[in-house]
Amino acid sequence: MKHSMLTSSASFLLVGFALPLEAAKPPGGVATLARAGETTVFAFQTKSGKTAALCRGPKGAYLVYRFGTAAKVELQYPAKLDASSWKKFTYWSYTRGGGAANEGVESAQLRFKNDGVVYTLTDDTRAYYTRQHEEDYRREVGIEVAIKVKPVSILGLPTTVVGDLSKVKDDNKVKIDEDM
């Protein structure tokens, strides 16, 4: 499957309560964990069947990351959904064009820190040549959770991706980091 080589990554807080979520599922069947009135910026299902979702509040009022299932959100970040939420996230991206001949790369990350734990949503697309010497693209999505020094990676299923992580910067509200 070919993807465009342009740009493409989210965050949370552990809470043990259920949120009223929209039941509708986008194409591909991934629950986005969006509440009524919210827009899904970026979401994907993990190998364990849980969903990671970055959602924008009505009229861009806030940005929120959720992780879990439609029945139980395990983590929401931040807890308070207001305009200050945007500055709690840091966005970074890198693009190297040139397709497979130059090992083209599009990488995007969105990071936040919650109770000393650093969460990084990732969305990477890389160009490569197949054995038949045809150009193709590989997309990898996931969440890195860094507790103290040891990071743990939660892999996402690229075929379940909804939205585009790079769109979070379009609002000009998240912090941008050139060196993340």
Protein backbone atom coordinates (compact mmCIF):
# COMPACT_ATOMS: atom_id res chain seq x y z
CA MET A 1 0.00 0.00 0.00
CA LYS A 2 1.44 3.38 -0.96
CA HIS A 3 1.24 6.49 1.18
CA SER A 4 2.19 10.03 0.32
CA MET A 5 5.57 11.08 1.69
CA LEU A 6 4.42 14.25 3.39
CA THR A 7 3.89 14.39 7.15
CA SER A 8 2.19 12.49 10.03
CA SER A 9 1.77 11.40 16.12
CA ALA A 10 -0.53 11.88 20.85
CA SER A 11 -0.65 11.55 24.87
CA PHE A 12 -2.63 10.52 28.37
CA LEU A 13 -3.43 10.34 32.36
CA LEU A 14 -4.47 7.17 34.20
CA VAL A 15 -8.01 7.36 35.39
CA GLY A 16 -10.37 4.55 36.25
CA PHE A 17 -13.68 5.90 35.00
CA ALA A 18 -15.74 5.57 31.87
CA LEU A 19 -16.35 8.62 29.70
CA PRO A 20 -19.39 9.13 27.47
CA LEU A 21 -17.84 8.44 24.08
CA GLU A 22 -19.24 8.51 20.59
CA ALA A 23 -20.19 5.00 19.53
CA ALA A 24 -19.61 5.66 15.84
CA LYS A 25 -16.54 4.06 14.37
CA PRO A 26 -14.75 5.48 11.34
CA PRO A 27 -13.84 3.34 8.33
CA GLY A 28 -11.69 0.45 9.50
CA GLY A 29 -13.72 0.04 12.69
CA VAL A 30 -11.36 1.83 15.11
CA ALA A 31 -13.11 3.49 18.04
CA THR A 32 -11.54 6.95 18.28
CA LEU A 33 -12.52 7.66 21.93
CA ALA A 34 -13.87 11.07 20.93
CA ARG A 35 -16.61 12.65 23.01
CA ALA A 36 -19.61 14.27 21.36
CA GLY A 37 -18.51 17.46 19.59
CA GLU A 38 -14.83 16.49 19.48
CA THR A 39 -12.81 15.87 16.32
CA THR A 40 -10.32 13.03 16.08
CA VAL A 41 -6.93 14.41 15.05
CA PHE A 42 -5.07 11.07 15.18
CA ALA A 43 -6.01 7.62 16.45
CA PHE A 44 -5.00 4.00 16.06
CA GLN A 45 -5.58 0.62 17.60
CA THR A 46 -2.75 -1.17 19.42
CA LYS A 47 -1.88 -4.84 19.05
CA SER A 48 -3.67 -5.46 22.36
CA GLY A 49 -6.92 -4.04 20.92
CA LYS A 50 -6.86 -0.75 22.83
CA THR A 51 -7.09 2.63 21.16
CA ALA A 52 -4.80 5.64 21.41
CA ALA A 53 -6.56 8.85 20.37
CA LEU A 54 -5.73 12.53 20.13
CA CYS A 55 -8.87 14.67 19.95
CA ARG A 56 -9.57 18.37 19.47
CA GLY A 57 -12.37 19.95 21.46
CA PRO A 58 -15.26 21.81 19.80
CA LYS A 59 -13.94 24.88 17.93
CA GLY A 60 -10.39 23.97 19.01
CA ALA A 61 -11.20 24.66 22.68
CA TYR A 62 -8.73 22.02 23.92
CA LEU A 63 -6.51 19.09 22.97
CA VAL A 64 -6.82 15.75 24.78
CA TYR A 65 -5.16 12.34 24.58
CA ARG A 66 -7.04 9.20 25.58
CA PHE A 67 -6.00 5.55 25.80
CA GLY A 68 -8.21 2.53 26.39
CA THR A 69 -11.44 1.21 24.97
CA ALA A 70 -14.86 2.73 24.35
CA ALA A 71 -16.02 0.92 27.51
CA LYS A 72 -13.14 2.14 29.70
CA VAL A 73 -10.68 4.99 29.17
CA GLU A 74 -7.56 4.06 31.15
CA LEU A 75 -5.72 7.31 30.62
CA GLN A 76 -6.81 10.83 29.72
CA TYR A 77 -4.39 13.73 29.50
CA PRO A 78 -4.87 16.38 30.58
CA ALA A 79 -7.63 15.88 33.13
CA LYS A 80 -8.84 19.48 32.78
CA LEU A 81 -10.09 20.21 29.27
CA ASP A 82 -9.50 23.88 28.56
CA ALA A 83 -7.38 26.16 26.35
CA SER A 84 -4.27 25.61 28.51
CA SER A 85 -4.19 21.95 27.38
CA TRP A 86 -2.55 22.82 24.05
CA LYS A 87 0.69 24.00 25.68
CA LYS A 88 0.99 20.74 27.63
CA PHE A 89 1.93 18.94 24.41
CA THR A 90 5.17 19.29 22.45
CA TYR A 91 5.30 18.49 18.73
CA TRP A 92 8.36 17.53 16.69
CA SER A 93 8.71 16.46 13.05
CA TYR A 94 11.39 15.55 10.55
CA THR A 95 11.12 15.08 6.79
CA ARG A 96 13.73 13.84 4.37
CA GLY A 97 12.40 13.70 0.82
CA GLY A 98 13.71 11.78 -2.13
CA GLY A 99 11.60 8.65 -2.03
CA ALA A 100 13.16 5.20 -1.78
CA ALA A 101 16.34 6.27 -3.61
CA ASN A 102 17.14 8.58 -0.69
CA GLU A 103 15.37 6.48 1.98
CA GLY A 104 12.77 9.21 2.36
CA VAL A 105 11.37 9.68 5.87
CA GLU A 106 8.46 11.49 7.46
CA SER A 107 8.49 11.34 11.24
CA ALA A 108 6.20 13.10 13.71
CA GLN A 109 6.03 12.92 17.50
CA LEU A 110 3.80 14.44 20.13
CA ARG A 111 5.08 14.33 23.70
CA PHE A 112 3.70 15.12 27.14
CA LYS A 113 4.70 14.45 30.73
CA ASN A 114 2.28 13.21 33.36
CA ASP A 115 3.32 12.46 36.96
CA GLY A 116 6.96 12.00 35.96
CA VAL A 117 6.14 9.65 33.07
CA VAL A 118 6.90 10.83 29.52
CA TYR A 119 4.50 9.72 26.78
CA THR A 120 5.42 10.08 23.11
CA LEU A 121 3.02 9.38 20.26
CA THR A 122 4.86 8.50 17.05
CA ASP A 123 3.92 8.36 13.38
CA ASP A 124 6.70 7.40 10.97
CA THR A 125 6.56 6.71 7.23
CA ARG A 126 9.64 5.45 5.36
CA ALA A 127 10.20 4.86 1.67
CA TYR A 128 11.99 1.70 0.55
CA TYR A 129 12.46 -0.55 -2.45
CA THR A 130 10.75 -3.94 -2.58
CA ARG A 131 12.56 -7.05 -3.78
CA GLN A 132 11.05 -6.30 -7.19
CA HIS A 133 12.75 -2.87 -7.05
CA GLU A 134 9.45 -1.04 -6.77
CA GLU A 135 9.12 1.94 -4.45
CA ASP A 136 6.85 1.35 -1.47
CA TYR A 137 6.17 2.92 1.92
CA ARG A 138 6.13 1.50 5.45
CA ARG A 139 4.21 3.26 8.20
CA GLU A 140 4.77 2.66 11.90
CA VAL A 141 2.70 4.17 14.71
CA GLY A 142 2.89 3.74 18.45
CA ILE A 143 3.35 5.15 21.90
CA GLU A 144 6.56 5.23 23.87
CA VAL A 145 6.10 5.36 27.63
CA ALA A 146 9.26 6.36 29.52
CA ILE A 147 9.12 5.54 33.20
CA LYS A 148 12.38 6.75 34.75
CA VAL A 149 15.03 5.65 32.24
CA LYS A 150 13.52 2.54 30.65
CA PRO A 151 11.10 3.28 27.78
CA VAL A 152 8.35 0.83 26.87
CA SER A 153 6.96 0.79 23.33
CA ILE A 154 3.31 0.09 22.58
CA LEU A 155 3.01 -0.74 18.90
CA GLY A 156 0.05 0.43 16.86
CA LEU A 157 -1.52 -1.20 13.83
CA PRO A 158 -0.85 1.04 10.79
CA THR A 159 -3.96 -0.25 8.99
CA THR A 160 -6.15 1.19 11.78
CA VAL A 161 -4.85 4.79 11.68
CA VAL A 162 -7.46 7.53 11.57
CA GLY A 163 -6.35 11.10 10.88
CA ASP A 164 -2.85 12.54 10.74
CA LEU A 165 -0.65 13.47 13.69
CA SER A 166 0.97 16.33 11.79
CA LYS A 167 -2.42 18.12 11.69
CA VAL A 168 -2.08 18.96 15.39
CA LYS A 169 0.38 21.74 14.50
CA ASP A 170 -2.09 23.40 12.11
CA ASP A 171 -3.85 25.11 15.02
CA ASN A 172 -0.59 26.86 15.99
CA LYS A 173 -1.35 26.12 19.64
CA VAL A 174 0.96 23.23 20.62
CA LYS A 175 4.58 23.83 21.54
CA ILE A 176 6.96 23.09 18.66
CA ASP A 177 10.37 21.60 19.44
CA GLU A 178 13.03 21.61 16.73
CA ASP A 179 15.36 19.35 18.75
CA MET A 180 13.09 16.86 20.52
